[in-house]
């Protein structure tokens, strides 16, 4: 956990968000209106007090008209083919507090070097939590998930689906949704998010 916190601090995601926002002449209020997030939360993210989950980063990236990968590296590639080696993958602990709850997963970006892309692939490790401890997320676009190991519960306001190793799910990420790990070992999944 300490190692993940160190890596997260080194990424300086909040500082990058602030720099991009200010370079575009946008205020916290502007970003709040574009994302539906509170000014206080955006400020906490920019000041490195909170690490936002994927859904929140996607909303901020959309509001700033940049790709989510801009927050994880200073160097993106203009090439049509990029390679991210195993040792280059960046792992972040999602410590966003939403209604006093941790979002409950760790994610690694798999294509942060590629600029001008329409999909964002991740490897996500999900915590073992009670459903009431996991906040629902919502963002524009579509999402694909393939379980690599373990058991995972996917839920919406009206539906619960249990996913096992080898199972996949594809859905409109504009519907409120959440995931939580089941069993004794935290599950891992390949997640691909398309954000228009």
N, C-alpha and C. Protein backbone atom coordinates (compact mmCIF):
# COMPACT_ATOMS: atom_id res chain seq x y z
N UNK A 1 0.83 -1.20 0.00
CA UNK A 1 0.00 0.00 0.00
C UNK A 1 0.87 1.26 0.00
N UNK A 2 1.97 1.23 0.77
CA UNK A 2 2.87 2.37 0.83
C UNK A 2 3.53 2.60 -0.52
N UNK A 3 3.89 1.50 -1.20
CA UNK A 3 4.52 1.58 -2.52
C UNK A 3 3.56 2.22 -3.53
N UNK A 4 2.28 1.81 -3.47
CA UNK A 4 1.27 2.38 -4.38
C UNK A 4 1.09 3.86 -4.10
N UNK A 5 1.05 4.24 -2.82
CA UNK A 5 0.91 5.66 -2.46
C UNK A 5 2.08 6.47 -2.99
N UNK A 6 3.28 5.91 -2.90
CA UNK A 6 4.47 6.60 -3.41
C UNK A 6 4.37 6.80 -4.92
N UNK A 7 3.97 5.74 -5.64
CA UNK A 7 3.82 5.84 -7.09
C UNK A 7 2.76 6.86 -7.46
N UNK A 8 1.67 6.85 -6.71
CA UNK A 8 0.57 7.78 -6.98
C UNK A 8 1.04 9.22 -6.81
N UNK A 9 1.76 9.48 -5.74
CA UNK A 9 2.27 10.83 -5.48
C UNK A 9 3.22 11.26 -6.59
N UNK A 10 4.02 10.33 -7.06
CA UNK A 10 4.99 10.64 -8.12
C UNK A 10 4.30 11.02 -9.43
N UNK A 11 3.11 10.49 -9.66
CA UNK A 11 2.37 10.81 -10.89
C UNK A 11 1.88 12.26 -10.90
N UNK A 12 1.64 12.84 -9.74
CA UNK A 12 1.17 14.23 -9.62
C UNK A 12 -0.04 14.50 -10.52
N UNK A 13 -1.03 13.62 -10.44
CA UNK A 13 -2.22 13.74 -11.28
C UNK A 13 -2.94 15.06 -11.03
N UNK A 14 -3.11 15.43 -9.77
CA UNK A 14 -3.81 16.66 -9.44
C UNK A 14 -3.11 17.89 -10.00
N UNK A 15 -1.80 17.89 -9.90
CA UNK A 15 -1.02 19.01 -10.42
C UNK A 15 -1.19 19.12 -11.94
N UNK A 16 -1.22 17.98 -12.62
CA UNK A 16 -1.41 17.98 -14.08
C UNK A 16 -2.80 18.50 -14.44
N UNK A 17 -3.79 18.09 -13.67
CA UNK A 17 -5.16 18.57 -13.92
C UNK A 17 -5.21 20.09 -13.76
N UNK A 18 -4.63 20.59 -12.68
CA UNK A 18 -4.62 22.04 -12.44
C UNK A 18 -3.90 22.77 -13.58
N UNK A 19 -2.74 22.24 -13.98
CA UNK A 19 -1.95 22.89 -15.03
C UNK A 19 -2.74 22.97 -16.35
N UNK A 20 -3.39 21.88 -16.72
CA UNK A 20 -4.18 21.86 -17.95
C UNK A 20 -5.37 22.82 -17.83
N UNK A 21 -6.05 22.76 -16.68
CA UNK A 21 -7.21 23.63 -16.46
C UNK A 21 -6.81 25.10 -16.58
N UNK A 22 -5.73 25.48 -15.91
CA UNK A 22 -5.30 26.87 -15.93
C UNK A 22 -4.80 27.30 -17.31
N UNK A 23 -4.15 26.38 -18.03
CA UNK A 23 -3.65 26.72 -19.37
C UNK A 23 -4.80 26.99 -20.34
N UNK A 24 -5.97 26.43 -20.05
CA UNK A 24 -7.14 26.64 -20.89
C UNK A 24 -8.02 27.78 -20.36
N UNK A 25 -7.55 28.45 -19.30
CA UNK A 25 -8.29 29.57 -18.74
C UNK A 25 -9.59 29.17 -18.06
N UNK A 26 -9.64 27.95 -17.52
CA UNK A 26 -10.86 27.45 -16.88
C UNK A 26 -10.76 27.55 -15.36
N UNK A 27 -11.88 27.82 -14.73
CA UNK A 27 -11.94 27.89 -13.27
C UNK A 27 -12.44 26.56 -12.71
N UNK A 28 -12.35 26.40 -11.40
CA UNK A 28 -12.92 25.22 -10.75
C UNK A 28 -14.42 25.16 -11.03
N UNK A 29 -15.07 26.31 -11.04
CA UNK A 29 -16.51 26.37 -11.32
C UNK A 29 -16.81 25.84 -12.73
N UNK A 30 -15.97 26.22 -13.71
CA UNK A 30 -16.15 25.74 -15.08
C UNK A 30 -16.10 24.21 -15.13
N UNK A 31 -15.09 23.64 -14.47
CA UNK A 31 -14.93 22.19 -14.48
C UNK A 31 -16.08 21.52 -13.72
N UNK A 32 -16.50 22.15 -12.63
CA UNK A 32 -17.62 21.63 -11.86
C UNK A 32 -18.88 21.55 -12.73
N UNK A 33 -19.15 22.62 -13.47
CA UNK A 33 -20.34 22.64 -14.33
C UNK A 33 -20.25 21.62 -15.45
N UNK A 34 -19.06 21.42 -16.00
CA UNK A 34 -18.88 20.49 -17.12
C UNK A 34 -18.92 19.03 -16.68
N UNK A 35 -18.53 18.77 -15.43
CA UNK A 35 -18.44 17.39 -14.96
C UNK A 35 -19.57 16.96 -14.03
N UNK A 36 -20.21 17.95 -13.37
CA UNK A 36 -21.20 17.60 -12.35
C UNK A 36 -20.55 17.27 -11.01
N UNK A 37 -19.22 17.44 -10.91
CA UNK A 37 -18.50 17.21 -9.66
C UNK A 37 -18.46 18.50 -8.87
N UNK A 38 -18.36 18.39 -7.56
CA UNK A 38 -18.31 19.60 -6.75
C UNK A 38 -16.96 20.30 -6.89
N UNK A 39 -16.96 21.63 -6.71
CA UNK A 39 -15.70 22.38 -6.75
C UNK A 39 -14.77 21.88 -5.64
N UNK A 40 -15.34 21.54 -4.50
CA UNK A 40 -14.53 21.07 -3.38
C UNK A 40 -13.79 19.78 -3.75
N UNK A 41 -14.48 18.84 -4.42
CA UNK A 41 -13.85 17.59 -4.82
C UNK A 41 -12.75 17.85 -5.85
N UNK A 42 -13.02 18.70 -6.82
CA UNK A 42 -12.01 19.01 -7.84
C UNK A 42 -10.79 19.64 -7.19
N UNK A 43 -11.01 20.54 -6.25
CA UNK A 43 -9.91 21.16 -5.52
C UNK A 43 -9.10 20.12 -4.75
N UNK A 44 -9.78 19.18 -4.10
CA UNK A 44 -9.09 18.13 -3.34
C UNK A 44 -8.26 17.25 -4.27
N UNK A 45 -8.78 16.99 -5.47
CA UNK A 45 -8.03 16.20 -6.45
C UNK A 45 -6.79 16.98 -6.88
N UNK A 46 -6.97 18.26 -7.22
CA UNK A 46 -5.85 19.08 -7.67
C UNK A 46 -4.78 19.23 -6.59
N UNK A 47 -5.18 19.23 -5.35
CA UNK A 47 -4.23 19.38 -4.24
C UNK A 47 -3.69 18.05 -3.74
N UNK A 48 -3.96 16.98 -4.49
CA UNK A 48 -3.43 15.64 -4.19
C UNK A 48 -3.95 15.07 -2.88
N UNK A 49 -5.12 15.52 -2.41
CA UNK A 49 -5.72 14.95 -1.20
C UNK A 49 -6.58 13.74 -1.52
N UNK A 50 -7.00 13.64 -2.78
CA UNK A 50 -7.88 12.56 -3.23
C UNK A 50 -7.37 12.07 -4.58
N UNK A 51 -7.35 10.76 -4.76
CA UNK A 51 -7.02 10.17 -6.06
C UNK A 51 -8.33 9.71 -6.70
N UNK A 52 -8.72 10.30 -7.82
CA UNK A 52 -10.03 10.00 -8.40
C UNK A 52 -10.08 8.64 -9.08
N UNK A 53 -11.24 7.99 -9.04
CA UNK A 53 -11.40 6.73 -9.77
C UNK A 53 -11.49 7.00 -11.27
N UNK A 54 -11.47 5.94 -12.02
CA UNK A 54 -11.47 6.03 -13.48
C UNK A 54 -12.64 6.88 -13.98
N UNK A 55 -13.84 6.63 -13.46
CA UNK A 55 -15.03 7.36 -13.95
C UNK A 55 -14.87 8.86 -13.75
N UNK A 56 -14.32 9.26 -12.61
CA UNK A 56 -14.13 10.69 -12.33
C UNK A 56 -13.05 11.28 -13.23
N UNK A 57 -11.96 10.55 -13.43
CA UNK A 57 -10.90 11.03 -14.32
C UNK A 57 -11.41 11.18 -15.75
N UNK A 58 -12.26 10.26 -16.18
CA UNK A 58 -12.83 10.36 -17.52
C UNK A 58 -13.67 11.63 -17.67
N UNK A 59 -14.44 11.95 -16.63
CA UNK A 59 -15.27 13.17 -16.67
C UNK A 59 -14.41 14.42 -16.71
N UNK A 60 -13.34 14.43 -15.91
CA UNK A 60 -12.44 15.59 -15.90
C UNK A 60 -11.70 15.70 -17.22
N UNK A 61 -11.22 14.58 -17.75
CA UNK A 61 -10.52 14.59 -19.04
C UNK A 61 -11.44 15.13 -20.14
N UNK A 62 -12.68 14.69 -20.14
CA UNK A 62 -13.65 15.17 -21.14
C UNK A 62 -13.87 16.67 -21.00
N UNK A 63 -13.99 17.14 -19.76
CA UNK A 63 -14.21 18.58 -19.52
C UNK A 63 -13.01 19.40 -19.98
N UNK A 64 -11.81 18.83 -19.86
CA UNK A 64 -10.59 19.54 -20.27
C UNK A 64 -10.23 19.28 -21.73
N UNK A 65 -11.00 18.38 -22.37
CA UNK A 65 -10.76 18.00 -23.76
C UNK A 65 -9.36 17.41 -23.97
N UNK A 66 -9.00 16.52 -23.05
CA UNK A 66 -7.76 15.76 -23.16
C UNK A 66 -8.08 14.30 -22.90
N UNK A 67 -7.11 13.43 -23.16
CA UNK A 67 -7.30 12.02 -22.87
C UNK A 67 -6.85 11.73 -21.45
N UNK A 68 -7.41 10.70 -20.86
CA UNK A 68 -7.08 10.33 -19.49
C UNK A 68 -5.59 10.04 -19.35
N UNK A 69 -4.95 9.56 -20.41
CA UNK A 69 -3.53 9.24 -20.35
C UNK A 69 -2.66 10.47 -20.10
N UNK A 70 -3.15 11.67 -20.38
CA UNK A 70 -2.40 12.90 -20.11
C UNK A 70 -2.06 13.04 -18.63
N UNK A 71 -2.87 12.44 -17.76
CA UNK A 71 -2.67 12.56 -16.33
C UNK A 71 -1.62 11.60 -15.79
N UNK A 72 -1.22 10.62 -16.60
CA UNK A 72 -0.33 9.57 -16.11
C UNK A 72 1.07 9.60 -16.70
N UNK A 73 1.31 10.48 -17.65
CA UNK A 73 2.64 10.57 -18.22
C UNK A 73 2.85 11.96 -18.80
N UNK A 74 4.08 12.35 -18.90
CA UNK A 74 4.40 13.62 -19.56
C UNK A 74 4.75 13.40 -21.02
N UNK A 75 4.87 12.14 -21.39
CA UNK A 75 5.30 11.83 -22.74
C UNK A 75 4.30 10.89 -23.41
N UNK A 76 3.55 11.39 -24.37
CA UNK A 76 2.70 10.53 -25.17
C UNK A 76 3.32 10.43 -26.56
N UNK A 77 2.91 9.44 -27.30
CA UNK A 77 3.54 9.17 -28.59
C UNK A 77 2.62 9.51 -29.74
N UNK A 78 3.15 10.20 -30.77
CA UNK A 78 2.34 10.50 -31.94
C UNK A 78 2.28 9.31 -32.91
N UNK A 79 3.00 8.24 -32.59
CA UNK A 79 3.08 7.10 -33.50
C UNK A 79 1.80 6.28 -33.48
N UNK A 80 1.56 5.57 -34.57
CA UNK A 80 0.35 4.77 -34.70
C UNK A 80 0.43 3.49 -33.88
N UNK A 81 1.64 3.07 -33.56
CA UNK A 81 1.84 1.88 -32.73
C UNK A 81 2.73 2.26 -31.55
N UNK A 82 2.28 1.93 -30.36
CA UNK A 82 3.10 2.17 -29.16
C UNK A 82 3.11 0.89 -28.33
N UNK A 83 4.16 0.73 -27.58
CA UNK A 83 4.31 -0.43 -26.71
C UNK A 83 4.52 0.06 -25.28
N UNK A 84 3.80 -0.54 -24.34
CA UNK A 84 4.01 -0.28 -22.92
C UNK A 84 4.54 -1.58 -22.33
N UNK A 85 5.77 -1.56 -21.89
CA UNK A 85 6.41 -2.75 -21.30
C UNK A 85 5.87 -2.97 -19.88
N UNK A 86 5.97 -4.21 -19.45
CA UNK A 86 5.46 -4.60 -18.13
C UNK A 86 5.95 -3.67 -17.03
N UNK A 87 7.23 -3.35 -17.02
CA UNK A 87 7.78 -2.52 -15.95
C UNK A 87 7.36 -1.06 -16.05
N UNK A 88 6.74 -0.65 -17.17
CA UNK A 88 6.31 0.74 -17.34
C UNK A 88 4.87 0.98 -16.91
N UNK A 89 4.14 -0.09 -16.68
CA UNK A 89 2.73 0.06 -16.31
C UNK A 89 2.63 0.82 -15.01
N UNK A 90 1.63 1.69 -14.95
CA UNK A 90 1.50 2.52 -13.75
C UNK A 90 0.31 2.05 -12.94
N UNK A 91 0.54 1.74 -11.67
CA UNK A 91 -0.52 1.26 -10.80
C UNK A 91 -0.89 2.35 -9.80
N UNK A 92 -2.18 2.62 -9.69
CA UNK A 92 -2.63 3.63 -8.74
C UNK A 92 -3.73 3.06 -7.85
N UNK A 93 -3.66 3.43 -6.59
CA UNK A 93 -4.69 3.03 -5.64
C UNK A 93 -5.77 4.09 -5.67
N UNK A 94 -6.95 3.67 -5.97
CA UNK A 94 -8.05 4.59 -6.07
C UNK A 94 -8.56 4.89 -4.68
N UNK A 95 -8.22 6.07 -4.17
CA UNK A 95 -8.61 6.38 -2.80
C UNK A 95 -9.68 7.46 -2.75
N UNK A 96 -10.42 7.61 -3.83
CA UNK A 96 -11.47 8.64 -3.83
C UNK A 96 -12.51 8.30 -2.78
N UNK A 97 -12.85 9.27 -1.99
CA UNK A 97 -13.89 9.08 -0.99
C UNK A 97 -15.19 9.66 -1.57
N UNK A 98 -16.15 8.79 -1.76
CA UNK A 98 -17.46 9.21 -2.25
C UNK A 98 -18.46 8.83 -1.17
N UNK A 99 -19.10 9.82 -0.60
CA UNK A 99 -20.03 9.59 0.50
C UNK A 99 -19.36 8.78 1.60
N UNK A 100 -18.06 9.07 1.84
CA UNK A 100 -17.32 8.39 2.90
C UNK A 100 -16.90 6.98 2.56
N UNK A 101 -16.91 6.64 1.27
CA UNK A 101 -16.58 5.27 0.88
C UNK A 101 -15.43 5.25 -0.11
N UNK A 102 -14.57 4.25 0.03
CA UNK A 102 -13.48 4.05 -0.91
C UNK A 102 -14.05 3.34 -2.14
N UNK A 103 -13.64 3.76 -3.33
CA UNK A 103 -14.18 3.17 -4.56
C UNK A 103 -13.80 1.70 -4.70
N UNK A 104 -12.74 1.26 -4.05
CA UNK A 104 -12.50 -0.17 -3.92
C UNK A 104 -11.77 -0.89 -5.02
N UNK A 105 -10.84 -0.23 -5.71
CA UNK A 105 -10.05 -0.95 -6.70
C UNK A 105 -8.73 -0.26 -6.96
N UNK A 106 -7.82 -1.04 -7.55
CA UNK A 106 -6.52 -0.55 -8.00
C UNK A 106 -6.50 -0.75 -9.50
N UNK A 107 -5.98 0.22 -10.25
CA UNK A 107 -5.94 0.03 -11.70
C UNK A 107 -4.59 0.37 -12.28
N UNK A 108 -4.27 -0.31 -13.38
CA UNK A 108 -3.04 -0.08 -14.12
C UNK A 108 -3.41 0.31 -15.55
N UNK A 109 -2.86 1.41 -16.03
CA UNK A 109 -3.10 1.82 -17.41
C UNK A 109 -2.23 0.99 -18.33
N UNK A 110 -2.81 0.52 -19.42
CA UNK A 110 -2.08 -0.35 -20.34
C UNK A 110 -1.65 0.36 -21.62
N UNK A 111 -2.19 1.54 -21.90
CA UNK A 111 -1.86 2.22 -23.16
C UNK A 111 -1.64 3.71 -22.95
N UNK A 112 -1.02 4.08 -21.82
CA UNK A 112 -0.88 5.50 -21.50
C UNK A 112 0.04 6.24 -22.46
N UNK A 113 0.87 5.54 -23.22
CA UNK A 113 1.79 6.22 -24.14
C UNK A 113 1.10 6.67 -25.43
N UNK A 114 -0.01 6.07 -25.76
CA UNK A 114 -0.68 6.36 -27.03
C UNK A 114 -1.54 7.60 -26.91
N UNK A 115 -1.29 8.53 -27.80
CA UNK A 115 -2.07 9.76 -27.85
C UNK A 115 -3.20 9.58 -28.87
N UNK A 116 -4.23 10.39 -28.76
CA UNK A 116 -5.33 10.41 -29.73
C UNK A 116 -5.97 9.04 -29.92
N UNK A 117 -6.43 8.46 -28.82
CA UNK A 117 -7.09 7.16 -28.89
C UNK A 117 -8.53 7.27 -28.40
N UNK A 118 -9.34 6.29 -28.73
CA UNK A 118 -10.76 6.30 -28.38
C UNK A 118 -11.10 5.33 -27.25
N UNK A 119 -10.16 4.45 -26.92
CA UNK A 119 -10.38 3.47 -25.86
C UNK A 119 -9.28 3.63 -24.81
N UNK A 120 -9.58 3.26 -23.57
CA UNK A 120 -8.61 3.27 -22.48
C UNK A 120 -8.64 1.89 -21.84
N UNK A 121 -7.60 1.06 -22.05
CA UNK A 121 -7.55 -0.27 -21.42
C UNK A 121 -6.83 -0.23 -20.07
N UNK A 122 -7.33 -1.02 -19.13
CA UNK A 122 -6.79 -1.09 -17.78
C UNK A 122 -6.75 -2.54 -17.32
N UNK A 123 -5.87 -2.84 -16.37
CA UNK A 123 -6.00 -4.05 -15.55
C UNK A 123 -6.49 -3.53 -14.20
N UNK A 124 -7.58 -4.09 -13.71
CA UNK A 124 -8.18 -3.61 -12.47
C UNK A 124 -8.23 -4.76 -11.46
N UNK A 125 -7.77 -4.48 -10.23
CA UNK A 125 -7.90 -5.43 -9.12
C UNK A 125 -8.97 -4.86 -8.18
N UNK A 126 -9.99 -5.65 -7.91
CA UNK A 126 -11.13 -5.21 -7.10
C UNK A 126 -11.02 -5.69 -5.66
N UNK A 127 -11.34 -4.82 -4.72
CA UNK A 127 -11.35 -5.19 -3.31
C UNK A 127 -12.53 -6.10 -2.99
N UNK A 128 -12.38 -6.82 -1.90
CA UNK A 128 -13.48 -7.62 -1.37
C UNK A 128 -14.23 -6.72 -0.40
N UNK A 129 -15.41 -6.26 -0.80
CA UNK A 129 -16.18 -5.30 0.01
C UNK A 129 -17.64 -5.70 0.04
N UNK A 130 -18.34 -5.19 1.04
CA UNK A 130 -19.80 -5.31 1.06
C UNK A 130 -20.36 -4.35 0.02
N UNK A 131 -21.48 -4.68 -0.58
CA UNK A 131 -22.03 -3.84 -1.65
C UNK A 131 -22.28 -2.41 -1.19
N UNK A 132 -22.76 -2.24 0.04
CA UNK A 132 -23.05 -0.88 0.52
C UNK A 132 -21.79 -0.04 0.69
N UNK A 133 -20.62 -0.66 0.65
CA UNK A 133 -19.35 0.07 0.75
C UNK A 133 -18.83 0.55 -0.61
N UNK A 134 -19.48 0.13 -1.68
CA UNK A 134 -19.00 0.45 -3.02
C UNK A 134 -19.94 1.46 -3.68
N UNK A 135 -19.47 2.68 -3.95
CA UNK A 135 -20.33 3.66 -4.60
C UNK A 135 -20.55 3.34 -6.08
N UNK A 136 -21.71 3.67 -6.57
CA UNK A 136 -22.02 3.50 -8.00
C UNK A 136 -21.28 4.57 -8.78
N UNK A 137 -20.91 4.23 -10.01
CA UNK A 137 -20.22 5.17 -10.88
C UNK A 137 -21.04 5.34 -12.16
N UNK A 138 -20.85 6.47 -12.80
CA UNK A 138 -21.52 6.72 -14.07
C UNK A 138 -20.64 7.66 -14.89
N UNK A 139 -20.50 7.37 -16.16
CA UNK A 139 -19.74 8.23 -17.07
C UNK A 139 -20.17 7.96 -18.49
N UNK A 140 -19.90 8.88 -19.39
CA UNK A 140 -20.28 8.71 -20.79
C UNK A 140 -19.48 7.58 -21.40
N UNK A 141 -20.08 6.91 -22.36
CA UNK A 141 -19.36 5.91 -23.14
C UNK A 141 -19.84 4.49 -22.91
N UNK A 142 -18.94 3.57 -23.19
CA UNK A 142 -19.22 2.15 -23.08
C UNK A 142 -18.06 1.50 -22.34
N UNK A 143 -18.32 0.32 -21.77
CA UNK A 143 -17.29 -0.35 -20.99
C UNK A 143 -17.33 -1.84 -21.27
N UNK A 144 -16.15 -2.43 -21.39
CA UNK A 144 -16.00 -3.87 -21.57
C UNK A 144 -15.14 -4.38 -20.43
N UNK A 145 -15.51 -5.51 -19.84
CA UNK A 145 -14.75 -6.11 -18.77
C UNK A 145 -14.64 -7.60 -19.02
N UNK A 146 -13.42 -8.15 -18.86
CA UNK A 146 -13.17 -9.59 -18.98
C UNK A 146 -12.44 -10.03 -17.71
N UNK A 147 -13.04 -10.97 -16.97
CA UNK A 147 -12.47 -11.42 -15.70
C UNK A 147 -11.28 -12.33 -15.97
N UNK A 148 -10.11 -11.95 -15.43
CA UNK A 148 -8.88 -12.72 -15.59
C UNK A 148 -8.71 -13.75 -14.48
N UNK A 149 -9.13 -13.36 -13.27
CA UNK A 149 -9.06 -14.29 -12.14
C UNK A 149 -10.05 -13.88 -11.06
N UNK A 150 -10.55 -14.89 -10.34
CA UNK A 150 -11.47 -14.63 -9.23
C UNK A 150 -12.92 -14.49 -9.66
N UNK A 151 -13.74 -14.01 -8.71
CA UNK A 151 -15.18 -13.80 -8.93
C UNK A 151 -15.51 -12.35 -8.66
N UNK A 152 -16.40 -11.81 -9.47
CA UNK A 152 -16.72 -10.40 -9.42
C UNK A 152 -18.23 -10.22 -9.50
N UNK A 153 -18.74 -9.27 -8.71
CA UNK A 153 -20.15 -8.93 -8.80
C UNK A 153 -20.28 -7.59 -9.51
N UNK A 154 -21.06 -7.56 -10.59
CA UNK A 154 -21.40 -6.33 -11.31
C UNK A 154 -22.83 -6.01 -10.93
N UNK A 155 -23.09 -4.74 -10.57
CA UNK A 155 -24.47 -4.41 -10.20
C UNK A 155 -24.86 -3.03 -10.72
N UNK A 156 -26.15 -2.91 -11.01
CA UNK A 156 -26.77 -1.64 -11.36
C UNK A 156 -27.86 -1.41 -10.33
N UNK A 157 -28.67 -0.40 -10.54
CA UNK A 157 -29.78 -0.15 -9.61
C UNK A 157 -30.80 -1.27 -9.63
N UNK A 158 -30.89 -2.01 -10.76
CA UNK A 158 -31.94 -3.02 -10.91
C UNK A 158 -31.43 -4.43 -11.16
N UNK A 159 -30.12 -4.62 -11.25
CA UNK A 159 -29.62 -5.92 -11.67
C UNK A 159 -28.30 -6.26 -10.96
N UNK A 160 -28.12 -7.57 -10.70
CA UNK A 160 -26.88 -8.08 -10.15
C UNK A 160 -26.43 -9.24 -11.03
N UNK A 161 -25.16 -9.19 -11.47
CA UNK A 161 -24.62 -10.24 -12.33
C UNK A 161 -23.30 -10.71 -11.71
N UNK A 162 -23.18 -12.02 -11.49
CA UNK A 162 -21.94 -12.60 -10.96
C UNK A 162 -21.09 -13.05 -12.15
N UNK A 163 -19.84 -12.60 -12.16
CA UNK A 163 -18.92 -12.94 -13.24
C UNK A 163 -17.79 -13.79 -12.70
N UNK A 164 -17.48 -14.86 -13.40
CA UNK A 164 -16.41 -15.79 -13.03
C UNK A 164 -15.23 -15.61 -13.99
N UNK A 165 -14.12 -16.23 -13.65
CA UNK A 165 -12.94 -16.20 -14.52
C UNK A 165 -13.34 -16.62 -15.94
N UNK A 166 -12.95 -15.81 -16.93
CA UNK A 166 -13.27 -16.10 -18.32
C UNK A 166 -14.55 -15.44 -18.82
N UNK A 167 -15.39 -14.92 -17.90
CA UNK A 167 -16.63 -14.24 -18.30
C UNK A 167 -16.33 -12.81 -18.72
N UNK A 168 -17.18 -12.29 -19.60
CA UNK A 168 -17.06 -10.91 -20.07
C UNK A 168 -18.40 -10.20 -19.98
N UNK A 169 -18.34 -8.88 -19.90
CA UNK A 169 -19.56 -8.07 -19.90
C UNK A 169 -19.27 -6.78 -20.67
N UNK A 170 -20.26 -6.32 -21.41
CA UNK A 170 -20.15 -5.08 -22.20
C UNK A 170 -21.42 -4.28 -21.92
N UNK A 171 -21.28 -3.00 -21.56
CA UNK A 171 -22.48 -2.24 -21.20
C UNK A 171 -22.29 -0.75 -21.45
N UNK A 172 -23.40 -0.05 -21.45
CA UNK A 172 -23.43 1.41 -21.56
C UNK A 172 -23.05 1.97 -20.19
N UNK A 173 -21.90 2.64 -20.11
CA UNK A 173 -21.42 3.12 -18.81
C UNK A 173 -22.14 4.36 -18.33
N UNK A 174 -23.15 4.81 -19.09
CA UNK A 174 -24.00 5.91 -18.66
C UNK A 174 -25.02 5.48 -17.63
N UNK A 175 -25.15 4.16 -17.41
CA UNK A 175 -26.06 3.69 -16.35
C UNK A 175 -25.25 3.58 -15.05
N UNK A 176 -25.82 3.97 -13.92
CA UNK A 176 -25.11 3.82 -12.65
C UNK A 176 -24.73 2.35 -12.43
N UNK A 177 -23.47 2.10 -12.13
CA UNK A 177 -22.98 0.74 -12.00
C UNK A 177 -21.87 0.65 -10.96
N UNK A 178 -21.61 -0.57 -10.52
CA UNK A 178 -20.54 -0.80 -9.56
C UNK A 178 -20.04 -2.22 -9.66
N UNK A 179 -18.86 -2.45 -9.11
CA UNK A 179 -18.26 -3.78 -9.06
C UNK A 179 -17.76 -4.03 -7.66
N UNK A 180 -17.74 -5.32 -7.28
CA UNK A 180 -17.06 -5.67 -6.03
C UNK A 180 -16.55 -7.09 -6.14
N UNK A 181 -15.42 -7.34 -5.50
CA UNK A 181 -14.84 -8.67 -5.50
C UNK A 181 -15.60 -9.60 -4.58
N UNK A 182 -15.67 -10.87 -4.96
CA UNK A 182 -16.31 -11.91 -4.16
C UNK A 182 -15.28 -13.00 -3.87
N UNK A 183 -15.50 -13.77 -2.84
CA UNK A 183 -14.61 -14.88 -2.52
C UNK A 183 -13.51 -14.48 -1.56
N UNK A 184 -12.41 -15.23 -1.61
CA UNK A 184 -11.32 -15.02 -0.66
C UNK A 184 -10.17 -14.21 -1.25
N UNK A 185 -10.08 -14.13 -2.57
CA UNK A 185 -8.96 -13.45 -3.22
C UNK A 185 -9.50 -12.35 -4.13
N UNK A 186 -8.95 -11.14 -4.06
CA UNK A 186 -9.44 -10.06 -4.93
C UNK A 186 -9.34 -10.44 -6.40
N UNK A 187 -10.42 -10.28 -7.15
CA UNK A 187 -10.39 -10.61 -8.57
C UNK A 187 -9.67 -9.56 -9.39
N UNK A 188 -9.20 -9.97 -10.57
CA UNK A 188 -8.57 -9.06 -11.53
C UNK A 188 -9.31 -9.16 -12.85
N UNK A 189 -9.37 -8.03 -13.55
CA UNK A 189 -10.06 -8.02 -14.84
C UNK A 189 -9.38 -7.07 -15.81
N UNK A 190 -9.52 -7.38 -17.08
CA UNK A 190 -9.15 -6.46 -18.14
C UNK A 190 -10.38 -5.59 -18.38
N UNK A 191 -10.22 -4.27 -18.29
CA UNK A 191 -11.33 -3.35 -18.50
C UNK A 191 -10.95 -2.40 -19.63
N UNK A 192 -11.84 -2.24 -20.60
CA UNK A 192 -11.63 -1.28 -21.67
C UNK A 192 -12.78 -0.30 -21.65
N UNK A 193 -12.45 0.97 -21.53
CA UNK A 193 -13.46 2.03 -21.47
C UNK A 193 -13.39 2.84 -22.76
N UNK A 194 -14.53 3.01 -23.41
CA UNK A 194 -14.63 3.89 -24.58
C UNK A 194 -15.32 5.17 -24.10
N UNK A 195 -14.65 6.27 -24.26
CA UNK A 195 -15.23 7.55 -23.86
C UNK A 195 -15.28 8.46 -25.08
N UNK A 196 -16.48 8.76 -25.58
CA UNK A 196 -16.60 9.57 -26.79
C UNK A 196 -16.08 11.00 -26.57
